[in-house]
Every structure is written in C-alpha cells, then in structure tokens.
Amino acid sequence: MAYDRLKQRLDDGEIVILDGATGTELQSRGAPMDPAAWCGPATLHNVKLLTEVHADYIAAGANVITANTFASSRLMLSGAGYGAQVEDINRRAVEAALRAPDKAPGGAQVVVAGSLSHMVPVATGTAVVDSTSLPSDAEIAAAFKELAQILAAAGCELIILEMMYYPGRIRLALDAALATGLPIWFGLSARRGQDGRVVSFHQSEDLPLDHVARLIPDQGVDAAGVMHSGAELVAEALHEVRRHFDGPLMAYPDSGYFEMPDWRFVDVITPQRFETFCCDWIKSGVQILGGCCGLSVEHVKAAARARDTIA
C-alpha cells in the first residue's frame, strides 16, 4: 500500500509534499462553481480536467493528492439539487484522483486521500454559514458517515479532515472518519481574533484554538496541522497544535478569500514567498507541506524546492 510507505517516511523524519487546492484550481481553469454547493458538483462534468489537476500536482512533486470531496457531502449536494447523486459524484471524484498517477511520472508512489470537511450551507456572497439552512446534528452525522464510507469503498487510503474549526461538527466528522478504519490527518483552521490572538476560524465568536486542538484524539490520527489559514498565522497556530499532538505536523495555508460560490484570488502569496515560509516551517519541525484554496501547482513546486533546500 502506498500509504504504508508514506507513513514510514514520516516515521523516519522525512518531508512529505501534499498537493495544492482542488476546488479553486478547477475554478481557475474554467470549471463553474455551484451557487449552493461550491466545487462539489463540478466533478460531474469536469472529470478529465480534475484528473489533469491531480496529475499536475504529482508532476510538481506532490506525494499525496486529495479527491475533490470537500464540498460534496449530502449536506451540500442536496441543497444544490444533487441529493440523488451523492455516491456517484464522490466516486467519480475519487476515481479521477486514482487515475492521475498514471498520467504523471513517479505517480505509482502517490497516496490518494479523501477530503472530509464539516462544511454546511453557506450564505451566497459570503463565507458565513447560512443559519436558515443549518441541518440537525443527526443529519450532519449521517451525511459525514455516508461520505466517509463512500471514500473508503472507492479506494482512498487516507482521510484528511479539512478545515476543522467548529467543535460540535468536528466530533461528528471524527467519528465518521474513525469508523472507516483508514488513517486520518487532521487540519484545523484559524484566524485573528479581535484582540490579535490566533483563534478558531469559527466566525460567530473568538473561540480559543485550544478548544479545537484538544479534540485531536490520542489514537487514530497520524498527522495534524493547520490549513485554510493565512501563511502568517500558521506558525502560531501550529504551536497550539503541538501542545495537544506529538505526531507529524503539517502546514497547507490558503491565500485570497471566499465569497460563495467563488474564490477571490486577491493578494495571493507568491510562490517565492511561500517557499520562504515552507523553509521556516521545516526548520520548526513541520513534515507535511502543501496548499489549499488559492494556492496552485507553482506553490507545490515551491514547497518541493523548500524541502530539497533544507534537506
């Protein structure tokens, strides 16, 4: 199994390269985003393009590619009219990723991960949860369990819990992921609070990041770190993660901002500056480097250069 080899590399202290953004990369290459479900439904009519995105990340140096399933739980797809196609959309997303290693040199060693976020409906034109469409905890739990099982059955070797910031939904996502028996990587998200501290990305209150980091379980999570957060926040947020987790750390920031259903590529960090951050993160002990929303193939190349520079 490719993941077993990857895990051994982490255990040996090596640096592993995660891919960059999938949804925003699809958008930048012309795939339309859905007004209710963002990038989730894009898989249906852009499978070839999606495989190309994954293959380009592999060619750039990625050891792990992430299927386009961040926004494709039943919670998101039902509101967009795709409730009957939840399994089909997610299986196609995983299959697109599984085909990518054949399209890129060295792809045989690549791990295909499934993305499991706790995304719920977002108000149009904002990045804020639509409280009028918020599902019940029972509906959320069922949707997460359904998606996690689809990811496992479709062939993912790893589940990445992405953008964890709301404790109640984190617990439900964790339960769903752990039930698959697959390895898990845990990515929390942060922002600046009103007093300047780094806090959870949770929008309605300045929730201490400790309240999220402490939810990382002692067993079942192989790596943990910070994602969907500005690069300048990562080091401080990772300090909080390290207080609760002693395994491999990861960093994959975003750049720009979200206004449902589009990513705004505004003031995106340059690959050169990103490379500098990556070098600093490696020196501080980070072993997994990549990017999320707004970051591209060039940023993954920059992460690989940073690895090679420090090594």
Protein backbone atom coordinates (compact mmCIF):
# COMPACT_ATOMS: atom_id res chain seq x y z
CA MET A 1 0.00 0.00 0.00
CA ALA A 2 1.31 3.45 -0.91
CA TYR A 3 0.20 4.86 2.43
CA ASP A 4 2.32 2.36 4.39
CA ARG A 5 5.41 3.59 2.55
CA LEU A 6 4.42 7.20 3.13
CA LYS A 7 3.87 6.58 6.84
CA GLN A 8 7.32 5.01 7.11
CA ARG A 9 8.82 8.12 5.52
CA LEU A 10 7.11 10.28 8.12
CA ASP A 11 8.27 7.98 10.90
CA ASP A 12 11.81 8.35 9.53
CA GLY A 13 11.53 12.14 9.79
CA GLU A 14 11.28 12.85 6.05
CA ILE A 15 9.40 15.75 4.48
CA VAL A 16 6.25 14.88 2.51
CA ILE A 17 4.58 17.13 -0.06
CA LEU A 18 0.81 17.45 -0.07
CA ASP A 19 -0.98 18.82 -3.13
CA GLY A 20 -2.46 22.28 -3.57
CA ALA A 21 -6.05 23.44 -3.92
CA THR A 22 -8.51 21.37 -5.91
CA GLY A 23 -11.74 23.38 -5.93
CA THR A 24 -10.14 26.76 -6.57
CA GLU A 25 -7.81 25.21 -9.15
CA LEU A 26 -10.83 23.86 -11.01
CA GLN A 27 -12.33 27.36 -10.88
CA SER A 28 -9.14 28.97 -12.17
CA ARG A 29 -9.13 26.52 -15.10
CA GLY A 30 -12.69 27.40 -16.09
CA ALA A 31 -14.93 24.95 -14.24
CA PRO A 32 -18.07 26.69 -12.95
CA MET A 33 -18.74 26.67 -9.22
CA ASP A 34 -22.22 25.82 -7.97
CA PRO A 35 -24.11 28.62 -6.14
CA ALA A 36 -25.25 26.19 -3.41
CA ALA A 37 -22.52 23.55 -3.26
CA TRP A 38 -19.37 25.34 -4.43
CA CYS A 39 -16.94 22.89 -6.06
CA GLY A 40 -18.71 19.63 -5.19
CA PRO A 41 -20.88 19.24 -8.30
CA ALA A 42 -18.04 20.36 -10.60
CA THR A 43 -16.78 16.77 -10.63
CA LEU A 44 -19.76 15.61 -12.72
CA HIS A 45 -18.82 17.48 -15.89
CA ASN A 46 -15.09 18.01 -15.35
CA VAL A 47 -13.65 14.58 -14.61
CA LYS A 48 -10.92 14.87 -17.24
CA LEU A 49 -9.95 18.32 -16.02
CA LEU A 50 -9.93 17.09 -12.43
CA THR A 51 -7.56 14.26 -13.31
CA GLU A 52 -5.32 16.78 -15.07
CA VAL A 53 -5.22 18.94 -11.94
CA HIS A 54 -4.20 15.97 -9.79
CA ALA A 55 -1.59 14.85 -12.35
CA ASP A 56 -0.11 18.35 -12.47
CA TYR A 57 0.29 18.32 -8.69
CA ILE A 58 2.02 14.95 -8.86
CA ALA A 59 4.38 16.26 -11.55
CA ALA A 60 5.08 19.25 -9.28
CA GLY A 61 6.21 16.92 -6.51
CA ALA A 62 3.11 16.02 -4.51
CA ASN A 63 3.24 12.72 -2.63
CA VAL A 64 -0.43 12.99 -1.63
CA ILE A 65 -3.34 14.15 -3.78
CA THR A 66 -6.77 14.92 -2.34
CA ALA A 67 -10.01 13.98 -4.08
CA ASN A 68 -12.47 16.77 -4.79
CA THR A 69 -14.85 15.84 -1.97
CA PHE A 70 -14.50 18.80 0.40
CA ALA A 71 -17.93 20.16 -0.54
CA SER A 72 -19.71 17.02 -1.69
CA SER A 73 -21.39 15.59 1.39
CA ARG A 74 -25.16 15.19 1.23
CA LEU A 75 -25.41 18.37 3.33
CA MET A 76 -24.08 20.39 0.40
CA LEU A 77 -25.25 18.43 -2.63
CA SER A 78 -28.91 18.10 -1.57
CA GLY A 79 -29.38 21.86 -1.42
CA ALA A 80 -27.96 22.13 -4.93
CA GLY A 81 -30.34 19.51 -6.33
CA TYR A 82 -27.82 16.65 -6.43
CA GLY A 83 -29.09 14.63 -3.47
CA ALA A 84 -29.69 11.56 -5.63
CA GLN A 85 -26.13 11.67 -6.96
CA VAL A 86 -24.10 11.85 -3.74
CA GLU A 87 -22.46 8.48 -4.21
CA ASP A 88 -21.92 8.95 -7.96
CA ILE A 89 -20.29 12.38 -7.57
CA ASN A 90 -17.96 11.25 -4.81
CA ARG A 91 -16.99 8.02 -6.52
CA ARG A 92 -16.18 9.95 -9.68
CA ALA A 93 -14.06 12.36 -7.66
CA VAL A 94 -12.04 9.53 -6.14
CA GLU A 95 -11.74 7.74 -9.48
CA ALA A 96 -10.41 10.94 -11.09
CA ALA A 97 -7.71 11.08 -8.42
CA LEU A 98 -6.90 7.37 -8.72
CA ARG A 99 -6.32 7.78 -12.48
CA ALA A 100 -3.94 10.70 -12.05
CA PRO A 101 -0.80 8.74 -11.05
CA ASP A 102 -0.86 7.03 -14.45
CA LYS A 103 -0.69 10.45 -16.08
CA ALA A 104 2.38 11.70 -14.20
CA PRO A 105 5.96 10.39 -13.80
CA GLY A 106 6.57 8.78 -10.43
CA GLY A 107 2.86 8.63 -9.68
CA ALA A 108 2.89 4.99 -8.57
CA GLN A 109 4.00 6.04 -5.09
CA VAL A 110 1.29 8.68 -4.64
CA VAL A 111 -1.36 8.36 -1.92
CA VAL A 112 -4.94 9.30 -2.80
CA ALA A 113 -6.72 10.94 0.13
CA GLY A 114 -10.39 11.68 0.56
CA SER A 115 -11.32 15.12 1.86
CA LEU A 116 -13.90 15.23 4.65
CA SER A 117 -14.78 18.73 5.81
CA HIS A 118 -17.57 19.80 8.12
CA MET A 119 -18.83 22.31 5.56
CA VAL A 120 -22.53 23.16 5.79
CA PRO A 121 -24.56 25.52 3.57
CA VAL A 122 -23.03 28.98 3.22
CA ALA A 123 -24.92 32.22 2.53
CA THR A 124 -24.48 33.43 -1.05
CA GLY A 125 -21.79 36.05 -1.47
CA THR A 126 -20.24 35.35 1.93
CA ALA A 127 -18.08 32.84 3.79
CA VAL A 128 -20.60 32.64 6.63
CA VAL A 129 -22.75 29.63 7.48
CA ASP A 130 -26.39 30.05 6.38
CA SER A 131 -28.15 29.64 9.72
CA THR A 132 -31.52 29.27 7.96
CA SER A 133 -30.31 26.10 6.22
CA LEU A 134 -28.30 24.53 9.02
CA PRO A 135 -29.06 20.78 9.26
CA SER A 136 -29.66 19.00 12.55
CA ASP A 137 -26.83 17.17 14.30
CA ALA A 138 -28.42 13.87 13.30
CA GLU A 139 -28.46 14.89 9.63
CA ILE A 140 -24.87 16.11 9.85
CA ALA A 141 -23.69 12.88 11.48
CA ALA A 142 -25.45 10.74 8.87
CA ALA A 143 -24.01 12.78 5.99
CA PHE A 144 -20.45 12.57 7.33
CA LYS A 145 -20.75 8.84 7.90
CA GLU A 146 -22.12 8.35 4.38
CA LEU A 147 -19.31 10.32 2.78
CA ALA A 148 -16.57 8.66 4.82
CA GLN A 149 -17.83 5.21 3.86
CA ILE A 150 -18.01 6.19 0.17
CA LEU A 151 -14.41 7.47 0.29
CA ALA A 152 -13.19 4.24 1.86
CA ALA A 153 -15.12 2.00 -0.54
CA ALA A 154 -14.00 3.98 -3.58
CA GLY A 155 -10.31 3.39 -2.85
CA CYS A 156 -8.95 6.24 -0.72
CA GLU A 157 -6.05 5.20 1.52
CA LEU A 158 -6.32 8.22 3.80
CA ILE A 159 -8.95 10.65 5.03
CA ILE A 160 -7.97 14.27 5.58
CA LEU A 161 -10.26 16.13 7.93
CA GLU A 162 -10.12 19.58 6.41
CA MET A 163 -10.96 22.96 7.88
CA MET A 164 -11.87 21.76 11.33
CA TYR A 165 -12.96 24.75 13.42
CA TYR A 166 -16.41 24.11 14.97
CA PRO A 167 -16.19 21.66 17.91
CA GLY A 168 -19.63 20.05 17.57
CA ARG A 169 -19.21 19.24 13.90
CA ILE A 170 -15.57 18.21 14.44
CA ARG A 171 -16.66 15.44 16.77
CA LEU A 172 -19.15 14.15 14.19
CA ALA A 173 -16.57 14.26 11.39
CA LEU A 174 -14.01 12.49 13.55
CA ASP A 175 -16.46 9.74 14.46
CA ALA A 176 -17.28 9.19 10.79
CA ALA A 177 -13.63 9.08 9.74
CA LEU A 178 -12.53 6.81 12.59
CA ALA A 179 -15.31 4.35 11.75
CA THR A 180 -13.70 3.66 8.35
CA GLY A 181 -10.51 2.34 9.91
CA LEU A 182 -8.48 4.45 7.48
CA PRO A 183 -5.57 6.63 8.62
CA ILE A 184 -6.57 10.23 9.38
CA TRP A 185 -4.82 13.58 9.05
CA PHE A 186 -6.43 16.46 10.96
CA GLY A 187 -6.32 20.01 9.55
CA LEU A 188 -7.69 22.81 11.71
CA SER A 189 -8.30 26.39 10.56
CA ALA A 190 -7.55 29.66 12.31
CA ARG A 191 -7.95 33.43 12.03
CA ARG A 192 -7.01 36.51 14.03
CA GLY A 193 -9.34 37.34 16.88
CA GLN A 194 -10.38 40.83 17.92
CA ASP A 195 -7.52 41.01 20.41
CA GLY A 196 -4.93 39.84 17.85
CA ARG A 197 -4.66 36.28 19.11
CA VAL A 198 -4.91 33.34 16.74
CA VAL A 199 -8.31 31.72 17.35
CA SER A 200 -10.51 29.12 15.67
CA PHE A 201 -11.84 30.09 12.23
CA HIS A 202 -15.33 29.95 13.82
CA GLN A 203 -16.99 33.20 12.65
CA SER A 204 -19.57 33.98 15.33
CA GLU A 205 -17.19 34.09 18.29
CA ASP A 206 -13.49 34.22 19.11
CA LEU A 207 -13.19 30.57 20.12
CA PRO A 208 -9.75 29.73 21.56
CA LEU A 209 -7.81 27.49 19.21
CA ASP A 210 -7.17 25.23 22.17
CA HIS A 211 -10.84 24.20 22.04
CA VAL A 212 -10.20 22.72 18.59
CA ALA A 213 -6.69 21.35 19.06
CA ARG A 214 -7.67 19.45 22.19
CA LEU A 215 -10.19 17.44 20.10
CA ILE A 216 -7.38 15.68 18.21
CA PRO A 217 -7.61 12.13 19.59
CA ASP A 218 -4.68 10.24 21.07
CA GLN A 219 -5.25 7.34 18.69
CA GLY A 220 -6.21 7.18 15.01
CA VAL A 221 -4.70 10.46 13.77
CA ASP A 222 -1.31 10.13 12.05
CA ALA A 223 -0.69 13.83 11.36
CA ALA A 224 -2.20 17.16 12.37
CA GLY A 225 -1.72 20.76 11.40
CA VAL A 226 -3.08 23.99 10.02
CA MET A 227 -4.93 24.62 6.76
CA HIS A 228 -7.24 27.22 5.22
CA SER A 229 -5.45 29.90 7.21
CA GLY A 230 -3.09 32.66 6.12
CA ALA A 231 0.57 31.67 5.95
CA GLU A 232 1.41 34.29 8.56
CA LEU A 233 -0.84 32.51 11.09
CA VAL A 234 0.50 29.01 10.61
CA ALA A 235 3.49 29.02 12.98
CA GLU A 236 1.47 30.42 15.88
CA ALA A 237 -1.41 28.01 15.25
CA LEU A 238 0.96 25.04 14.98
CA HIS A 239 2.30 25.90 18.42
CA GLU A 240 -1.19 25.26 19.77
CA VAL A 241 -1.48 22.01 17.82
CA ARG A 242 1.83 20.80 19.24
CA ARG A 243 0.53 21.28 22.78
CA HIS A 244 -2.02 18.52 22.11
CA PHE A 245 -0.40 16.34 19.43
CA ASP A 246 3.09 14.84 19.26
CA GLY A 247 2.99 13.30 15.76
CA PRO A 248 3.99 14.76 12.37
CA LEU A 249 2.87 18.35 11.79
CA MET A 250 1.52 19.72 8.53
CA ALA A 251 1.03 23.17 7.03
CA TYR A 252 -1.11 23.99 3.99
CA PRO A 253 -2.36 27.59 4.06
CA ASP A 254 -4.75 29.41 1.77
CA SER A 255 -4.46 32.80 0.10
CA GLY A 256 -7.25 35.10 -1.07
CA TYR A 257 -10.79 34.85 0.25
CA PHE A 258 -14.12 33.12 -0.35
CA GLU A 259 -17.43 34.65 -1.41
CA MET A 260 -19.83 31.79 -2.10
CA PRO A 261 -19.58 30.33 -4.70
CA ASP A 262 -16.25 31.75 -5.89
CA TRP A 263 -12.75 32.08 -4.57
CA ARG A 264 -11.34 35.59 -4.88
CA PHE A 265 -7.72 35.37 -5.96
CA VAL A 266 -6.75 38.63 -4.26
CA ASP A 267 -3.22 39.29 -2.96
CA VAL A 268 -2.33 35.61 -3.40
CA ILE A 269 1.02 34.81 -1.84
CA THR A 270 3.76 34.43 -4.44
CA PRO A 271 5.42 31.03 -4.82
CA GLN A 272 8.72 32.63 -3.82
CA ARG A 273 7.35 33.96 -0.54
CA PHE A 274 5.54 30.69 0.08
CA GLU A 275 8.85 28.87 -0.36
CA THR A 276 10.37 31.05 2.36
CA PHE A 277 7.53 30.19 4.73
CA CYS A 278 7.96 26.48 3.90
CA CYS A 279 11.66 26.63 4.74
CA ASP A 280 10.83 28.21 8.09
CA TRP A 281 8.14 25.62 8.82
CA ILE A 282 10.51 22.75 8.00
CA LYS A 283 13.12 24.20 10.35
CA SER A 284 10.49 24.33 13.09
CA GLY A 285 9.64 20.65 12.65
CA VAL A 286 6.85 20.55 10.04
CA GLN A 287 6.97 17.39 7.92
CA ILE A 288 3.98 17.82 5.57
CA LEU A 289 3.75 20.84 3.26
CA GLY A 290 1.09 21.83 0.76
CA GLY A 291 -1.53 24.43 -0.02
CA CYS A 292 -5.29 24.85 -0.06
CA CYS A 293 -7.62 27.46 -1.53
CA GLY A 294 -5.90 29.90 -3.85
CA LEU A 295 -2.60 28.02 -3.98
CA SER A 296 -1.60 26.33 -7.21
CA VAL A 297 0.82 23.97 -8.91
CA GLU A 298 3.54 26.62 -8.70
CA HIS A 299 3.14 26.74 -4.92
CA VAL A 300 3.53 22.96 -4.68
CA LYS A 301 6.72 23.25 -6.72
CA ALA A 302 7.87 25.88 -4.22
CA ALA A 303 7.17 23.53 -1.30
CA ALA A 304 9.23 20.81 -3.03
CA ARG A 305 12.09 23.27 -3.54
CA ALA A 306 11.98 24.19 0.14
CA ARG A 307 12.18 20.50 1.07
CA ASP A 308 15.16 19.99 -1.21
CA THR A 309 16.87 23.15 0.08
CA ILE A 310 16.61 22.17 3.73
CA ALA A 311 17.41 18.52 3.09
